[in-house]
All heavy atoms as atom14 arrays in JSON, in Angstrom:
{
  "sequence": "LWAEQVNYYIICVAVLVLSMLPFFISFEAKRVTARELTL",
  "atom14_mask": [
    [1, 1, 1, 1, 1, 1, 1, 1, 0, 0, 0, 0, 0, 0],
    [1, 1, 1, 1, 1, 1, 1, 1, 1, 1, 1, 1, 1, 1],
    [1, 1, 1, 1, 1, 0, 0, 0, 0, 0, 0, 0, 0, 0],
    [1, 1, 1, 1, 1, 1, 1, 1, 1, 0, 0, 0, 0, 0],
    [1, 1, 1, 1, 1, 1, 1, 1, 1, 0, 0, 0, 0, 0],
    [1, 1, 1, 1, 1, 1, 1, 0, 0, 0, 0, 0, 0, 0],
    [1, 1, 1, 1, 1, 1, 1, 1, 0, 0, 0, 0, 0, 0],
    [1, 1, 1, 1, 1, 1, 1, 1, 1, 1, 1, 1, 0, 0],
    [1, 1, 1, 1, 1, 1, 1, 1, 1, 1, 1, 1, 0, 0],
    [1, 1, 1, 1, 1, 1, 1, 1, 0, 0, 0, 0, 0, 0],
    [1, 1, 1, 1, 1, 1, 1, 1, 0, 0, 0, 0, 0, 0],
    [1, 1, 1, 1, 1, 1, 0, 0, 0, 0, 0, 0, 0, 0],
    [1, 1, 1, 1, 1, 1, 1, 0, 0, 0, 0, 0, 0, 0],
    [1, 1, 1, 1, 1, 0, 0, 0, 0, 0, 0, 0, 0, 0],
    [1, 1, 1, 1, 1, 1, 1, 0, 0, 0, 0, 0, 0, 0],
    [1, 1, 1, 1, 1, 1, 1, 1, 0, 0, 0, 0, 0, 0],
    [1, 1, 1, 1, 1, 1, 1, 0, 0, 0, 0, 0, 0, 0],
    [1, 1, 1, 1, 1, 1, 1, 1, 0, 0, 0, 0, 0, 0],
    [1, 1, 1, 1, 1, 1, 0, 0, 0, 0, 0, 0, 0, 0],
    [1, 1, 1, 1, 1, 1, 1, 1, 0, 0, 0, 0, 0, 0],
    [1, 1, 1, 1, 1, 1, 1, 1, 0, 0, 0, 0, 0, 0],
    [1, 1, 1, 1, 1, 1, 1, 0, 0, 0, 0, 0, 0, 0],
    [1, 1, 1, 1, 1, 1, 1, 1, 1, 1, 1, 0, 0, 0],
    [1, 1, 1, 1, 1, 1, 1, 1, 1, 1, 1, 0, 0, 0],
    [1, 1, 1, 1, 1, 1, 1, 1, 0, 0, 0, 0, 0, 0],
    [1, 1, 1, 1, 1, 1, 0, 0, 0, 0, 0, 0, 0, 0],
    [1, 1, 1, 1, 1, 1, 1, 1, 1, 1, 1, 0, 0, 0],
    [1, 1, 1, 1, 1, 1, 1, 1, 1, 0, 0, 0, 0, 0],
    [1, 1, 1, 1, 1, 0, 0, 0, 0, 0, 0, 0, 0, 0],
    [1, 1, 1, 1, 1, 1, 1, 1, 1, 0, 0, 0, 0, 0],
    [1, 1, 1, 1, 1, 1, 1, 1, 1, 1, 1, 0, 0, 0],
    [1, 1, 1, 1, 1, 1, 1, 0, 0, 0, 0, 0, 0, 0],
    [1, 1, 1, 1, 1, 1, 1, 0, 0, 0, 0, 0, 0, 0],
    [1, 1, 1, 1, 1, 0, 0, 0, 0, 0, 0, 0, 0, 0],
    [1, 1, 1, 1, 1, 1, 1, 1, 1, 1, 1, 0, 0, 0],
    [1, 1, 1, 1, 1, 1, 1, 1, 1, 0, 0, 0, 0, 0],
    [1, 1, 1, 1, 1, 1, 1, 1, 0, 0, 0, 0, 0, 0],
    [1, 1, 1, 1, 1, 1, 1, 0, 0, 0, 0, 0, 0, 0],
    [1, 1, 1, 1, 1, 1, 1, 1, 0, 0, 0, 0, 0, 0]
  ],
  "atom14_positions": [
    [[99.02, 111.81, 98.76], [97.71, 112.13, 98.2], [97.04, 113.34, 98.81], [96.31, 114.07, 98.12], [96.78, 110.91, 98.35], [97.23, 109.62, 97.64], [96.25, 108.49, 97.93], [97.36, 109.85, 96.14], [0.0, 0.0, 0.0], [0.0, 0.0, 0.0], [0.0, 0.0, 0.0], [0.0, 0.0, 0.0], [0.0, 0.0, 0.0], [0.0, 0.0, 0.0]],
    [[97.24, 113.61, 100.11], [96.42, 114.63, 100.77], [97.22, 115.74, 101.45], [96.67, 116.8, 101.7], [95.52, 113.96, 101.81], [94.55, 113.02, 101.18], [93.53, 113.33, 100.32], [94.51, 111.6, 101.33], [92.86, 112.2, 99.93], [93.44, 111.11, 100.54], [95.27, 110.68, 102.05], [93.13, 109.76, 100.45], [94.96, 109.34, 101.98], [93.9, 108.89, 101.18]],
    [[98.46, 115.52, 101.76], [99.23, 116.55, 102.47], [99.47, 117.76, 101.57], [99.73, 117.62, 100.36], [100.57, 115.99, 102.94], [0.0, 0.0, 0.0], [0.0, 0.0, 0.0], [0.0, 0.0, 0.0], [0.0, 0.0, 0.0], [0.0, 0.0, 0.0], [0.0, 0.0, 0.0], [0.0, 0.0, 0.0], [0.0, 0.0, 0.0], [0.0, 0.0, 0.0]],
    [[99.34, 118.96, 102.13], [99.56, 120.18, 101.35], [101.02, 120.3, 100.91], [101.31, 120.77, 99.82], [99.15, 121.4, 102.18], [97.66, 121.48, 102.45], [97.3, 122.74, 103.21], [98.19, 123.57, 103.43], [96.12, 122.88, 103.58], [0.0, 0.0, 0.0], [0.0, 0.0, 0.0], [0.0, 0.0, 0.0], [0.0, 0.0, 0.0], [0.0, 0.0, 0.0]],
    [[101.94, 119.91, 101.79], [103.36, 119.94, 101.45], [103.96, 118.58, 101.79], [103.88, 118.12, 102.93], [104.08, 121.04, 102.23], [105.54, 121.19, 101.81], [106.17, 122.39, 102.48], [105.51, 123.12, 103.21], [107.44, 122.61, 102.22], [0.0, 0.0, 0.0], [0.0, 0.0, 0.0], [0.0, 0.0, 0.0], [0.0, 0.0, 0.0], [0.0, 0.0, 0.0]],
    [[104.54, 117.93, 100.8], [105.07, 116.58, 100.99], [106.34, 116.64, 101.83], [107.27, 117.39, 101.53], [105.37, 115.92, 99.63], [106.0, 114.54, 99.84], [104.1, 115.8, 98.81], [0.0, 0.0, 0.0], [0.0, 0.0, 0.0], [0.0, 0.0, 0.0], [0.0, 0.0, 0.0], [0.0, 0.0, 0.0], [0.0, 0.0, 0.0], [0.0, 0.0, 0.0]],
    [[106.37, 115.84, 102.91], [107.56, 115.7, 103.74], [108.25, 114.39, 103.35], [107.81, 113.31, 103.73], [107.17, 115.69, 105.22], [108.38, 115.72, 106.13], [109.42, 115.17, 105.8], [108.24, 116.35, 107.28], [0.0, 0.0, 0.0], [0.0, 0.0, 0.0], [0.0, 0.0, 0.0], [0.0, 0.0, 0.0], [0.0, 0.0, 0.0], [0.0, 0.0, 0.0]],
    [[109.34, 114.51, 102.61], [109.99, 113.31, 102.1], [110.73, 112.54, 103.18], [111.05, 111.37, 103.0], [110.92, 113.68, 100.94], [110.16, 114.03, 99.7], [110.0, 115.35, 99.3], [109.55, 113.04, 98.93], [109.28, 115.68, 98.17], [108.83, 113.35, 97.8], [108.69, 114.67, 97.41], [107.96, 114.99, 96.29], [0.0, 0.0, 0.0], [0.0, 0.0, 0.0]],
    [[110.99, 113.18, 104.32], [111.61, 112.44, 105.42], [110.65, 111.39, 105.97], [111.05, 110.28, 106.32], [112.04, 113.4, 106.53], [113.31, 114.14, 106.21], [113.27, 115.45, 105.74], [114.55, 113.53, 106.35], [114.43, 116.14, 105.42], [115.72, 114.2, 106.04], [115.66, 115.51, 105.58], [116.8, 116.18, 105.26], [0.0, 0.0, 0.0], [0.0, 0.0, 0.0]],
    [[109.36, 111.73, 106.04], [108.37, 110.77, 106.49], [108.29, 109.59, 105.52], [108.25, 108.43, 105.92], [106.99, 111.44, 106.64], [107.02, 112.48, 107.76], [105.9, 110.4, 106.9], [105.74, 113.26, 107.93], [0.0, 0.0, 0.0], [0.0, 0.0, 0.0], [0.0, 0.0, 0.0], [0.0, 0.0, 0.0], [0.0, 0.0, 0.0], [0.0, 0.0, 0.0]],
    [[108.28, 109.9, 104.23], [108.22, 108.85, 103.21], [109.45, 107.96, 103.3], [109.37, 106.73, 103.23], [108.09, 109.46, 101.81], [106.76, 110.2, 101.67], [108.2, 108.38, 100.74], [106.58, 110.93, 100.37], [0.0, 0.0, 0.0], [0.0, 0.0, 0.0], [0.0, 0.0, 0.0], [0.0, 0.0, 0.0], [0.0, 0.0, 0.0], [0.0, 0.0, 0.0]],
    [[110.63, 108.57, 103.47], [111.88, 107.81, 103.53], [111.88, 106.85, 104.72], [112.26, 105.68, 104.58], [113.07, 108.76, 103.64], [113.42, 109.68, 102.14], [0.0, 0.0, 0.0], [0.0, 0.0, 0.0], [0.0, 0.0, 0.0], [0.0, 0.0, 0.0], [0.0, 0.0, 0.0], [0.0, 0.0, 0.0], [0.0, 0.0, 0.0], [0.0, 0.0, 0.0]],
    [[111.47, 107.35, 105.88], [111.45, 106.5, 107.07], [110.45, 105.36, 106.89], [110.72, 104.2, 107.25], [111.1, 107.33, 108.32], [110.86, 106.42, 109.52], [112.23, 108.31, 108.63], [0.0, 0.0, 0.0], [0.0, 0.0, 0.0], [0.0, 0.0, 0.0], [0.0, 0.0, 0.0], [0.0, 0.0, 0.0], [0.0, 0.0, 0.0], [0.0, 0.0, 0.0]],
    [[109.27, 105.66, 106.33], [108.26, 104.63, 106.12], [108.75, 103.56, 105.15], [108.58, 102.36, 105.4], [106.97, 105.27, 105.59], [0.0, 0.0, 0.0], [0.0, 0.0, 0.0], [0.0, 0.0, 0.0], [0.0, 0.0, 0.0], [0.0, 0.0, 0.0], [0.0, 0.0, 0.0], [0.0, 0.0, 0.0], [0.0, 0.0, 0.0], [0.0, 0.0, 0.0]],
    [[109.36, 103.98, 104.06], [109.89, 103.03, 103.08], [110.97, 102.16, 103.72], [111.03, 100.94, 103.51], [110.47, 103.78, 101.86], [111.26, 102.83, 100.97], [109.34, 104.41, 101.06], [0.0, 0.0, 0.0], [0.0, 0.0, 0.0], [0.0, 0.0, 0.0], [0.0, 0.0, 0.0], [0.0, 0.0, 0.0], [0.0, 0.0, 0.0], [0.0, 0.0, 0.0]],
    [[111.83, 102.78, 104.52], [112.9, 102.04, 105.19], [112.34, 100.97, 106.12], [112.74, 99.8, 106.05], [113.76, 103.02, 105.98], [114.82, 102.39, 106.9], [115.82, 101.61, 106.08], [115.51, 103.47, 107.71], [0.0, 0.0, 0.0], [0.0, 0.0, 0.0], [0.0, 0.0, 0.0], [0.0, 0.0, 0.0], [0.0, 0.0, 0.0], [0.0, 0.0, 0.0]],
    [[111.42, 101.36, 106.97], [110.86, 100.41, 107.94], [110.09, 99.3, 107.23], [110.22, 98.11, 107.57], [109.95, 101.13, 108.95], [109.28, 100.13, 109.88], [110.76, 102.14, 109.75], [0.0, 0.0, 0.0], [0.0, 0.0, 0.0], [0.0, 0.0, 0.0], [0.0, 0.0, 0.0], [0.0, 0.0, 0.0], [0.0, 0.0, 0.0], [0.0, 0.0, 0.0]],
    [[109.31, 99.67, 106.21], [108.54, 98.66, 105.47], [109.45, 97.65, 104.78], [109.15, 96.47, 104.71], [107.64, 99.34, 104.44], [106.39, 100.05, 104.98], [105.74, 100.88, 103.89], [105.41, 99.04, 105.56], [0.0, 0.0, 0.0], [0.0, 0.0, 0.0], [0.0, 0.0, 0.0], [0.0, 0.0, 0.0], [0.0, 0.0, 0.0], [0.0, 0.0, 0.0]],
    [[110.59, 98.13, 104.27], [111.49, 97.24, 103.55], [112.26, 96.32, 104.5], [112.58, 95.18, 104.16], [112.48, 98.05, 102.72], [113.34, 98.8, 103.55], [0.0, 0.0, 0.0], [0.0, 0.0, 0.0], [0.0, 0.0, 0.0], [0.0, 0.0, 0.0], [0.0, 0.0, 0.0], [0.0, 0.0, 0.0], [0.0, 0.0, 0.0], [0.0, 0.0, 0.0]],
    [[112.54, 96.81, 105.71], [113.34, 96.03, 106.64], [112.51, 95.13, 107.55], [113.01, 94.12, 108.05], [114.18, 96.97, 107.51], [115.25, 97.72, 106.75], [116.3, 98.7, 107.83], [117.14, 97.41, 108.75], [0.0, 0.0, 0.0], [0.0, 0.0, 0.0], [0.0, 0.0, 0.0], [0.0, 0.0, 0.0], [0.0, 0.0, 0.0], [0.0, 0.0, 0.0]],
    [[111.24, 95.49, 107.76], [110.41, 94.77, 108.71], [110.32, 93.26, 108.44], [110.49, 92.46, 109.37], [109.01, 95.39, 108.73], [108.12, 95.01, 109.9], [108.76, 95.4, 111.23], [106.76, 95.7, 109.76], [0.0, 0.0, 0.0], [0.0, 0.0, 0.0], [0.0, 0.0, 0.0], [0.0, 0.0, 0.0], [0.0, 0.0, 0.0], [0.0, 0.0, 0.0]],
    [[110.07, 92.82, 107.19], [109.98, 91.36, 106.96], [111.26, 90.62, 107.32], [111.21, 89.5, 107.82], [109.7, 91.27, 105.44], [109.13, 92.58, 105.08], [109.8, 93.58, 105.95], [0.0, 0.0, 0.0], [0.0, 0.0, 0.0], [0.0, 0.0, 0.0], [0.0, 0.0, 0.0], [0.0, 0.0, 0.0], [0.0, 0.0, 0.0], [0.0, 0.0, 0.0]],
    [[112.41, 91.26, 107.07], [113.68, 90.61, 107.35], [113.92, 90.5, 108.85], [114.38, 89.46, 109.34], [114.82, 91.37, 106.68], [114.72, 91.38, 105.19], [114.11, 92.43, 104.52], [115.19, 90.32, 104.43], [114.0, 92.44, 103.15], [115.09, 90.31, 103.05], [114.48, 91.37, 102.41], [0.0, 0.0, 0.0], [0.0, 0.0, 0.0], [0.0, 0.0, 0.0]],
    [[113.6, 91.54, 109.6], [113.79, 91.49, 111.04], [112.8, 90.53, 111.69], [113.14, 89.84, 112.65], [113.65, 92.89, 111.64], [114.88, 93.72, 111.5], [114.92, 94.8, 110.65], [116.03, 93.4, 112.21], [116.06, 95.57, 110.5], [117.19, 94.15, 112.07], [117.2, 95.24, 111.22], [0.0, 0.0, 0.0], [0.0, 0.0, 0.0], [0.0, 0.0, 0.0]],
    [[111.58, 90.46, 111.18], [110.6, 89.51, 111.72], [111.06, 88.08, 111.47], [111.01, 87.21, 112.35], [109.21, 89.74, 111.1], [108.64, 91.07, 111.61], [108.27, 88.6, 111.44], [107.34, 91.46, 110.94], [0.0, 0.0, 0.0], [0.0, 0.0, 0.0], [0.0, 0.0, 0.0], [0.0, 0.0, 0.0], [0.0, 0.0, 0.0], [0.0, 0.0, 0.0]],
    [[111.55, 87.82, 110.25], [112.07, 86.5, 109.92], [113.28, 86.14, 110.76], [113.42, 85.03, 111.26], [112.44, 86.45, 108.43], [113.03, 85.22, 108.1], [0.0, 0.0, 0.0], [0.0, 0.0, 0.0], [0.0, 0.0, 0.0], [0.0, 0.0, 0.0], [0.0, 0.0, 0.0], [0.0, 0.0, 0.0], [0.0, 0.0, 0.0], [0.0, 0.0, 0.0]],
    [[114.17, 87.12, 110.95], [115.38, 86.9, 111.75], [115.0, 86.63, 113.2], [115.57, 85.78, 113.87], [116.26, 88.14, 111.65], [117.64, 87.94, 112.22], [118.59, 87.21, 111.53], [117.98, 88.49, 113.44], [119.86, 87.04, 112.04], [119.25, 88.32, 113.97], [120.2, 87.59, 113.27], [0.0, 0.0, 0.0], [0.0, 0.0, 0.0], [0.0, 0.0, 0.0]],
    [[113.99, 87.38, 113.7], [113.56, 87.23, 115.09], [112.9, 85.88, 115.33], [112.99, 85.3, 116.42], [112.59, 88.37, 115.44], [112.08, 88.36, 116.86], [113.16, 88.65, 117.88], [114.17, 89.28, 117.52], [112.99, 88.23, 119.04], [0.0, 0.0, 0.0], [0.0, 0.0, 0.0], [0.0, 0.0, 0.0], [0.0, 0.0, 0.0], [0.0, 0.0, 0.0]],
    [[112.22, 85.35, 114.3], [111.49, 84.09, 114.45], [112.42, 82.89, 114.55], [112.03, 81.83, 115.05], [110.54, 83.9, 113.26], [0.0, 0.0, 0.0], [0.0, 0.0, 0.0], [0.0, 0.0, 0.0], [0.0, 0.0, 0.0], [0.0, 0.0, 0.0], [0.0, 0.0, 0.0], [0.0, 0.0, 0.0], [0.0, 0.0, 0.0], [0.0, 0.0, 0.0]],
    [[113.65, 83.05, 114.08], [114.59, 81.94, 114.11], [115.26, 81.85, 115.48], [115.35, 82.82, 116.22], [115.66, 82.12, 113.03], [115.1, 82.03, 111.62], [116.22, 82.2, 110.6], [115.67, 82.09, 109.19], [116.72, 82.27, 108.17], [0.0, 0.0, 0.0], [0.0, 0.0, 0.0], [0.0, 0.0, 0.0], [0.0, 0.0, 0.0], [0.0, 0.0, 0.0]],
    [[115.76, 80.65, 115.76], [116.51, 80.46, 117.0], [117.96, 80.85, 116.74], [118.68, 80.17, 116.04], [116.42, 79.0, 117.44], [117.0, 78.76, 118.82], [116.73, 77.35, 119.27], [117.24, 77.12, 120.61], [117.1, 75.98, 121.28], [116.44, 74.97, 120.71], [117.58, 75.84, 122.49], [0.0, 0.0, 0.0], [0.0, 0.0, 0.0], [0.0, 0.0, 0.0]],
    [[118.36, 81.98, 117.3], [119.68, 82.53, 117.04], [120.51, 82.48, 118.31], [120.05, 82.9, 119.38], [119.58, 83.99, 116.54], [120.97, 84.54, 116.22], [118.68, 84.07, 115.33], [0.0, 0.0, 0.0], [0.0, 0.0, 0.0], [0.0, 0.0, 0.0], [0.0, 0.0, 0.0], [0.0, 0.0, 0.0], [0.0, 0.0, 0.0], [0.0, 0.0, 0.0]],
    [[121.73, 81.94, 118.2], [122.6, 81.83, 119.37], [123.35, 83.14, 119.59], [123.47, 83.98, 118.69], [123.61, 80.7, 119.18], [124.48, 81.03, 118.08], [122.91, 79.38, 118.87], [0.0, 0.0, 0.0], [0.0, 0.0, 0.0], [0.0, 0.0, 0.0], [0.0, 0.0, 0.0], [0.0, 0.0, 0.0], [0.0, 0.0, 0.0], [0.0, 0.0, 0.0]],
    [[123.89, 83.27, 120.79], [124.68, 84.46, 121.11], [125.91, 84.54, 120.23], [126.34, 85.63, 119.82], [125.07, 84.44, 122.59], [0.0, 0.0, 0.0], [0.0, 0.0, 0.0], [0.0, 0.0, 0.0], [0.0, 0.0, 0.0], [0.0, 0.0, 0.0], [0.0, 0.0, 0.0], [0.0, 0.0, 0.0], [0.0, 0.0, 0.0], [0.0, 0.0, 0.0]],
    [[126.51, 83.4, 119.92], [127.7, 83.39, 119.07], [127.38, 83.86, 117.66], [128.15, 84.58, 117.04], [128.31, 81.98, 119.02], [129.0, 81.57, 120.31], [129.5, 80.15, 120.22], [130.29, 79.78, 121.38], [130.79, 78.57, 121.59], [130.56, 77.6, 120.71], [131.52, 78.32, 122.66], [0.0, 0.0, 0.0], [0.0, 0.0, 0.0], [0.0, 0.0, 0.0]],
    [[126.22, 83.45, 117.17], [125.82, 83.87, 115.82], [125.55, 85.37, 115.78], [125.93, 86.06, 114.83], [124.57, 83.1, 115.4], [124.19, 83.31, 113.94], [123.03, 82.44, 113.52], [122.59, 81.6, 114.33], [122.55, 82.61, 112.39], [0.0, 0.0, 0.0], [0.0, 0.0, 0.0], [0.0, 0.0, 0.0], [0.0, 0.0, 0.0], [0.0, 0.0, 0.0]],
    [[124.91, 85.9, 116.83], [124.69, 87.34, 116.9], [126.01, 88.09, 116.99], [126.17, 89.16, 116.41], [123.83, 87.67, 118.13], [122.33, 87.34, 118.02], [121.65, 87.6, 119.35], [121.68, 88.15, 116.92], [0.0, 0.0, 0.0], [0.0, 0.0, 0.0], [0.0, 0.0, 0.0], [0.0, 0.0, 0.0], [0.0, 0.0, 0.0], [0.0, 0.0, 0.0]],
    [[126.96, 87.5, 117.72], [128.28, 88.13, 117.83], [128.97, 88.2, 116.48], [129.57, 89.23, 116.13], [129.17, 87.34, 118.82], [128.53, 87.33, 120.1], [130.54, 87.98, 118.95], [0.0, 0.0, 0.0], [0.0, 0.0, 0.0], [0.0, 0.0, 0.0], [0.0, 0.0, 0.0], [0.0, 0.0, 0.0], [0.0, 0.0, 0.0], [0.0, 0.0, 0.0]],
    [[128.87, 87.11, 115.7], [129.48, 87.12, 114.37], [128.8, 88.15, 113.47], [129.48, 88.89, 112.74], [129.37, 85.73, 113.74], [129.93, 85.59, 112.32], [131.42, 85.97, 112.27], [129.73, 84.18, 111.79], [0.0, 0.0, 0.0], [0.0, 0.0, 0.0], [0.0, 0.0, 0.0], [0.0, 0.0, 0.0], [0.0, 0.0, 0.0], [0.0, 0.0, 0.0]]
  ]
}
């Protein structure tokens, strides 16, 4: 909306983090064993 020149790398990184964040938070909230992480 406001930047004079759009930097699509910033948009790409933001979209990536926003899309992955719920999954990593959910994964982190679970009790995960070392064997499961290894698999």
